[in-house]
Amino acid sequence: MHESLMVLQAAIPVYLVVLLGGLLRRCGVLRPKMDRVLMLLAVYVFYPCLILDKMLVAEVLRDPVVLWSSAGAGFGFIVIGALLSYLLAPLIGLKIGSGRRTFAVSAGLQNYGFIAIPLVAYLYPGNDDVMAILFTHNLGVEFAVWTVLLMLLSGMARPSWRVFLKGPILAVIAGIVMMQTGSEKYVPGTILDLFSKVGVCAVPLSLLLVGTAMYDLIGKMKFDWKLGAGAVLARLALIPVLMLVCAKYLPLSIELKQVLVIQAALPSGMFPIVLSRHYGGRTDIAITAVVATTIASLLTMPLVIAFGKFWVGV
């Protein structure tokens, strides 16, 4: 019970900042025309600084086995989660052409960054190794999103290499290269201090933008309870069981096990909403999955993380 309350205590501030974003949108402080500029700041300035701040002091990244297993786990669990969701979709009446692929992408992809980062920071304060492994894990997730999930949603034979030229991906790759070669010691202390001071802006700004997006979407659609229940079943029950079993029994580093316990409990990510708009998916299905799993995760997330930490032993 104490562990559940601790996780809930970590999660509540995250959701309060999201709620604040919605409130600021309603009051006209954060207007829609501001979203693009703020998102560009987050993606190309704040997140790269946060990533490099944590990665350039993480000695665990010098181990190639830890490095590749972390990125591989990020990639593999997204692909497996999308596959499980794809197989579940017909049971709730979804077929190809009526939203099956959108459901698979939406339920298969968790909110691996915006919510995971503050949870890791709160549950493992001062542990830069866990945060660095989280970013390396998320690199694998990004590759899965822009390859397998994009091809599944759009029917494209292969993705463009340009989709990988994003700030966080480039920052993670740069951090890995520097830690593997030992060149991080040549980065001036003033630059590292800059990364630290600028990087702290990434998470709160991103959470505010999640809140504005949720405010814009809720109320503009008819909620499908059957679809929402299916997303909750896939994202918050079936996939967490698989991830926790793998975290317990696979020979993974302690830091990666800690990351997987948190990732297992997260609701659907919001990015499939954007993907579905641009690549011919069903946006209403993506929105339903996000809303349903986000609300349900308020109850399930503390329980899953608390149980996972106890059962996996991290």
Protein backbone atom coordinates (compact mmCIF):
# COMPACT_ATOMS: atom_id res chain seq x y z
CA MET A 1 0.00 0.00 0.00
CA HIS A 2 2.82 2.38 0.85
CA GLU A 3 4.40 1.76 -2.58
CA SER A 4 1.09 2.43 -4.34
CA LEU A 5 0.66 5.70 -2.48
CA MET A 6 4.22 6.71 -3.39
CA VAL A 7 3.57 6.05 -7.08
CA LEU A 8 0.25 7.89 -6.91
CA GLN A 9 2.05 10.78 -5.25
CA ALA A 10 4.48 10.81 -8.17
CA ALA A 11 1.71 10.63 -10.76
CA ILE A 12 -0.62 13.28 -9.35
CA PRO A 13 1.68 16.25 -10.12
CA VAL A 14 2.00 14.97 -13.69
CA TYR A 15 -1.75 14.95 -14.19
CA LEU A 16 -2.14 18.29 -12.41
CA VAL A 17 0.23 19.92 -14.91
CA VAL A 18 -1.77 18.31 -17.74
CA LEU A 19 -4.94 19.69 -16.15
CA LEU A 20 -3.28 23.10 -15.90
CA GLY A 21 -2.58 22.97 -19.63
CA GLY A 22 -6.27 22.38 -20.32
CA LEU A 23 -7.21 25.23 -17.98
CA LEU A 24 -4.76 27.60 -19.68
CA ARG A 25 -6.26 26.66 -23.05
CA ARG A 26 -9.78 27.32 -21.78
CA CYS A 27 -8.72 30.71 -20.40
CA GLY A 28 -7.06 31.66 -23.68
CA VAL A 29 -3.53 31.86 -22.26
CA LEU A 30 -2.14 28.99 -24.36
CA ARG A 31 -3.78 29.55 -27.73
CA PRO A 32 -3.75 26.99 -30.56
CA LYS A 33 -1.47 29.15 -32.70
CA MET A 34 1.18 28.88 -29.98
CA ASP A 35 1.29 25.07 -29.99
CA ARG A 36 3.63 24.62 -32.94
CA VAL A 37 6.27 27.03 -31.61
CA LEU A 38 6.16 25.53 -28.12
CA MET A 39 6.37 21.99 -29.49
CA LEU A 40 9.36 22.90 -31.66
CA LEU A 41 11.08 24.37 -28.58
CA ALA A 42 10.41 21.18 -26.64
CA VAL A 43 11.53 18.80 -29.39
CA TYR A 44 14.57 20.64 -30.71
CA VAL A 45 15.85 22.53 -27.66
CA PHE A 46 14.56 21.43 -24.26
CA TYR A 47 14.44 17.64 -24.74
CA PRO A 48 17.87 17.36 -26.38
CA CYS A 49 19.34 19.34 -23.46
CA LEU A 50 17.57 17.13 -20.90
CA ILE A 51 18.74 13.97 -22.66
CA LEU A 52 22.37 15.05 -22.90
CA ASP A 53 22.34 16.30 -19.30
CA LYS A 54 21.41 12.82 -18.07
CA MET A 55 23.25 10.65 -20.58
CA LEU A 56 26.69 12.28 -20.38
CA VAL A 57 27.07 11.27 -16.71
CA ALA A 58 25.60 7.75 -17.01
CA GLU A 59 28.44 5.24 -16.73
CA VAL A 60 26.01 2.39 -17.44
CA LEU A 61 25.93 3.47 -21.10
CA ARG A 62 29.53 2.32 -21.55
CA ASP A 63 28.30 -1.29 -21.49
CA PRO A 64 27.29 -2.32 -25.05
CA VAL A 65 25.08 -5.14 -23.77
CA VAL A 66 23.05 -2.78 -21.59
CA LEU A 67 22.90 -0.29 -24.44
CA TRP A 68 21.57 -2.66 -27.08
CA SER A 69 19.23 -4.50 -24.73
CA SER A 70 17.63 -1.20 -23.67
CA ALA A 71 17.03 0.03 -27.21
CA GLY A 72 15.97 -3.47 -28.27
CA ALA A 73 13.45 -3.72 -25.45
CA GLY A 74 11.96 -0.38 -26.46
CA PHE A 75 11.59 -1.53 -30.05
CA GLY A 76 10.44 -5.06 -29.28
CA PHE A 77 7.71 -4.29 -26.77
CA ILE A 78 6.13 -1.68 -29.05
CA VAL A 79 5.98 -4.17 -31.93
CA ILE A 80 4.61 -6.94 -29.69
CA GLY A 81 2.08 -4.57 -28.09
CA ALA A 82 0.82 -3.47 -31.51
CA LEU A 83 0.54 -7.11 -32.59
CA LEU A 84 -1.47 -8.08 -29.50
CA SER A 85 -3.76 -5.09 -30.03
CA TYR A 86 -4.16 -5.98 -33.71
CA LEU A 87 -5.24 -9.50 -32.76
CA LEU A 88 -7.64 -8.17 -30.12
CA ALA A 89 -9.28 -5.61 -32.44
CA PRO A 90 -11.72 -8.02 -34.20
CA LEU A 91 -13.17 -9.00 -30.80
CA ILE A 92 -14.45 -5.43 -30.40
CA GLY A 93 -15.74 -5.22 -33.97
CA LEU A 94 -12.80 -3.61 -35.75
CA LYS A 95 -11.60 -4.80 -39.14
CA ILE A 96 -9.09 -3.49 -41.67
CA GLY A 97 -10.72 -0.43 -43.20
CA SER A 98 -12.78 0.28 -40.09
CA GLY A 99 -10.03 1.11 -37.64
CA ARG A 100 -8.22 -2.13 -36.81
CA ARG A 101 -4.79 -0.79 -37.68
CA THR A 102 -5.37 2.52 -35.89
CA PHE A 103 -6.45 0.63 -32.78
CA ALA A 104 -3.34 -1.55 -32.94
CA VAL A 105 -1.06 1.49 -33.13
CA SER A 106 -2.95 3.46 -30.45
CA ALA A 107 -3.21 0.66 -27.90
CA GLY A 108 0.26 -0.67 -28.67
CA LEU A 109 2.13 2.59 -28.04
CA GLN A 110 2.34 3.87 -24.48
CA ASN A 111 3.02 7.43 -23.35
CA TYR A 112 6.70 6.52 -23.11
CA GLY A 113 8.11 10.01 -22.60
CA PHE A 114 5.90 12.74 -21.20
CA ILE A 115 4.64 10.69 -18.26
CA ALA A 116 7.54 8.24 -17.88
CA ILE A 117 10.22 10.90 -17.44
CA PRO A 118 8.70 12.64 -14.39
CA LEU A 119 7.82 9.25 -12.86
CA VAL A 120 11.42 8.05 -13.20
CA ALA A 121 12.68 11.35 -11.80
CA TYR A 122 10.41 11.05 -8.75
CA LEU A 123 10.75 7.32 -8.04
CA TYR A 124 14.52 7.22 -8.63
CA PRO A 125 15.74 10.72 -7.65
CA GLY A 126 19.35 11.42 -8.46
CA ASN A 127 19.77 8.15 -10.36
CA ASP A 128 21.06 9.34 -13.73
CA ASP A 129 21.66 5.76 -14.88
CA VAL A 130 17.94 4.92 -14.81
CA MET A 131 17.08 8.12 -16.67
CA ALA A 132 19.77 7.43 -19.27
CA ILE A 133 18.44 3.90 -19.80
CA LEU A 134 14.96 5.36 -20.18
CA PHE A 135 16.16 7.60 -23.01
CA THR A 136 18.00 4.70 -24.65
CA HIS A 137 14.87 2.55 -24.33
CA ASN A 138 12.87 5.39 -25.90
CA LEU A 139 15.27 5.48 -28.84
CA GLY A 140 14.16 1.94 -29.64
CA VAL A 141 10.54 3.05 -29.25
CA GLU A 142 11.08 5.90 -31.71
CA PHE A 143 12.52 3.53 -34.29
CA ALA A 144 9.52 1.23 -33.86
CA VAL A 145 7.10 4.15 -34.23
CA TRP A 146 8.68 5.47 -37.42
CA THR A 147 9.12 2.07 -39.04
CA VAL A 148 6.76 -0.73 -37.98
CA LEU A 149 3.87 1.36 -36.62
CA LEU A 150 4.00 3.86 -39.47
CA MET A 151 4.01 1.09 -42.06
CA LEU A 152 1.16 -0.68 -40.25
CA LEU A 153 -0.98 2.47 -40.12
CA SER A 154 -0.30 3.83 -43.59
CA GLY A 155 0.46 0.72 -45.60
CA MET A 156 3.79 2.22 -46.70
CA ALA A 157 6.38 -0.29 -47.85
CA ARG A 158 9.21 1.55 -46.15
CA PRO A 159 9.63 4.78 -44.17
CA SER A 160 11.72 7.80 -45.14
CA TRP A 161 15.06 8.18 -43.35
CA ARG A 162 14.19 11.85 -42.79
CA VAL A 163 11.74 10.96 -40.02
CA PHE A 164 14.71 10.11 -37.80
CA LEU A 165 16.14 13.63 -37.97
CA LYS A 166 14.40 14.71 -34.79
CA GLY A 167 16.01 16.45 -31.83
CA PRO A 168 15.54 13.71 -29.19
CA ILE A 169 16.72 10.92 -31.50
CA LEU A 170 19.83 12.84 -32.55
CA ALA A 171 20.55 13.76 -28.91
CA VAL A 172 20.29 10.13 -27.75
CA ILE A 173 22.57 8.96 -30.57
CA ALA A 174 25.07 11.71 -29.74
CA GLY A 175 24.98 10.78 -26.06
CA ILE A 176 25.56 7.10 -26.81
CA VAL A 177 28.45 7.83 -29.17
CA MET A 178 30.16 10.14 -26.66
CA MET A 179 29.77 7.68 -23.78
CA GLN A 180 31.01 4.77 -25.88
CA THR A 181 34.07 6.70 -27.10
CA GLY A 182 34.80 8.59 -23.88
CA SER A 183 34.58 11.93 -25.66
CA GLU A 184 32.04 13.31 -23.16
CA LYS A 185 34.99 14.38 -20.96
CA TYR A 186 35.87 17.03 -23.55
CA VAL A 187 32.50 18.78 -23.22
CA PRO A 188 33.09 22.05 -21.29
CA GLY A 189 31.51 22.32 -17.86
CA THR A 190 29.64 25.46 -18.88
CA ILE A 191 27.93 23.54 -21.68
CA LEU A 192 26.95 20.74 -19.29
CA ASP A 193 25.57 23.35 -16.92
CA LEU A 194 23.59 24.83 -19.81
CA PHE A 195 22.12 21.39 -20.62
CA SER A 196 21.05 21.03 -17.00
CA LYS A 197 19.39 24.43 -16.71
CA VAL A 198 17.61 24.32 -20.07
CA GLY A 199 16.62 20.65 -19.90
CA VAL A 200 14.42 21.09 -16.84
CA CYS A 201 11.93 22.99 -19.03
CA ALA A 202 11.22 19.97 -21.24
CA VAL A 203 8.83 17.94 -19.13
CA PRO A 204 6.55 20.69 -17.74
CA LEU A 205 6.20 22.32 -21.16
CA SER A 206 5.36 19.00 -22.79
CA LEU A 207 2.79 18.16 -20.12
CA LEU A 208 1.13 21.54 -20.62
CA LEU A 209 0.87 20.78 -24.34
CA VAL A 210 -0.66 17.39 -23.58
CA GLY A 211 -3.28 19.23 -21.52
CA THR A 212 -4.09 21.67 -24.32
CA ALA A 213 -4.41 18.83 -26.82
CA MET A 214 -6.68 16.84 -24.51
CA TYR A 215 -8.87 19.91 -24.00
CA ASP A 216 -9.16 20.42 -27.76
CA LEU A 217 -10.12 16.78 -28.36
CA ILE A 218 -12.48 15.93 -25.51
CA GLY A 219 -16.02 16.93 -26.34
CA LYS A 220 -15.48 16.82 -30.10
CA MET A 221 -16.22 13.12 -30.44
CA LYS A 222 -18.73 10.50 -29.41
CA PHE A 223 -17.09 8.19 -26.90
CA ASP A 224 -17.28 4.48 -27.82
CA TRP A 225 -17.33 2.56 -24.55
CA LYS A 226 -16.67 -0.80 -26.19
CA LEU A 227 -13.64 0.57 -28.00
CA GLY A 228 -12.44 2.30 -24.84
CA ALA A 229 -12.75 -0.92 -22.84
CA GLY A 230 -10.77 -2.78 -25.51
CA ALA A 231 -7.98 -0.20 -25.35
CA VAL A 232 -7.86 -0.44 -21.55
CA LEU A 233 -7.73 -4.25 -21.75
CA ALA A 234 -4.85 -4.22 -24.23
CA ARG A 235 -2.82 -1.28 -22.94
CA LEU A 236 -3.35 -1.58 -19.19
CA ALA A 237 -3.78 -5.34 -18.71
CA LEU A 238 -2.43 -7.67 -21.41
CA ILE A 239 0.67 -5.68 -22.38
CA PRO A 240 1.68 -4.94 -18.75
CA VAL A 241 1.52 -8.66 -17.89
CA LEU A 242 3.86 -9.47 -20.77
CA MET A 243 6.29 -6.68 -19.91
CA LEU A 244 6.43 -7.54 -16.21
CA VAL A 245 7.03 -11.23 -16.92
CA CYS A 246 9.91 -10.33 -19.24
CA ALA A 247 11.29 -7.84 -16.72
CA LYS A 248 11.32 -10.52 -14.03
CA TYR A 249 12.75 -13.46 -15.95
CA LEU A 250 14.97 -12.02 -18.70
CA PRO A 251 18.65 -11.32 -17.87
CA LEU A 252 18.35 -7.54 -18.07
CA SER A 253 20.12 -4.81 -16.14
CA ILE A 254 18.47 -3.52 -12.97
CA GLU A 255 18.05 -0.09 -14.55
CA LEU A 256 16.23 -1.52 -17.56
CA LYS A 257 13.97 -3.60 -15.31
CA GLN A 258 13.09 -0.42 -13.41
CA VAL A 259 12.26 1.35 -16.66
CA LEU A 260 10.13 -1.55 -17.92
CA VAL A 261 8.07 -1.62 -14.72
CA ILE A 262 7.16 2.02 -15.27
CA GLN A 263 6.59 1.64 -19.01
CA ALA A 264 4.24 -1.29 -18.38
CA ALA A 265 1.86 0.90 -16.38
CA LEU A 266 1.57 3.83 -18.79
CA PRO A 267 -1.56 4.79 -20.78
CA SER A 268 -1.64 5.12 -24.55
CA GLY A 269 0.55 7.81 -26.04
CA MET A 270 -0.98 10.79 -27.81
CA PHE A 271 1.22 10.61 -30.89
CA PRO A 272 -1.03 8.10 -32.75
CA ILE A 273 -3.61 10.90 -32.89
CA VAL A 274 -1.17 12.92 -34.97
CA LEU A 275 -0.13 9.90 -37.05
CA SER A 276 -3.73 8.94 -37.79
CA ARG A 277 -4.48 12.47 -39.03
CA HIS A 278 -1.59 12.47 -41.47
CA TYR A 279 -1.48 8.84 -42.61
CA GLY A 280 -5.10 7.89 -43.25
CA GLY A 281 -6.04 6.38 -39.89
CA ARG A 282 -9.16 6.77 -37.75
CA THR A 283 -8.48 9.76 -35.49
CA ASP A 284 -11.60 9.10 -33.41
CA ILE A 285 -10.29 5.66 -32.46
CA ALA A 286 -6.90 7.08 -31.45
CA ILE A 287 -8.59 9.74 -29.32
CA THR A 288 -10.84 7.17 -27.64
CA ALA A 289 -7.85 4.98 -26.77
CA VAL A 290 -5.95 7.91 -25.28
CA VAL A 291 -8.89 9.23 -23.24
CA ALA A 292 -9.96 5.81 -21.93
CA THR A 293 -6.51 4.58 -20.95
CA THR A 294 -5.44 7.91 -19.47
CA ILE A 295 -8.47 8.06 -17.19
CA ALA A 296 -8.19 4.38 -16.24
CA SER A 297 -4.47 4.72 -15.55
CA LEU A 298 -5.21 7.06 -12.66
CA LEU A 299 -6.35 3.92 -10.84
CA THR A 300 -4.21 1.22 -12.44
CA MET A 301 -0.82 2.95 -12.74
CA PRO A 302 0.01 3.10 -9.02
CA LEU A 303 -1.09 -0.51 -8.59
CA VAL A 304 0.86 -1.85 -11.58
CA ILE A 305 4.06 -0.02 -10.66
CA ALA A 306 3.83 -0.96 -7.00
CA PHE A 307 3.18 -4.62 -7.83
CA GLY A 308 5.84 -4.60 -10.54
CA LYS A 309 8.53 -3.17 -8.28
CA PHE A 310 7.71 -5.78 -5.64
CA TRP A 311 7.36 -8.78 -7.96
CA VAL A 312 10.28 -7.98 -10.27
CA GLY A 313 12.40 -7.01 -7.27
CA VAL A 314 13.47 -3.50 -8.24
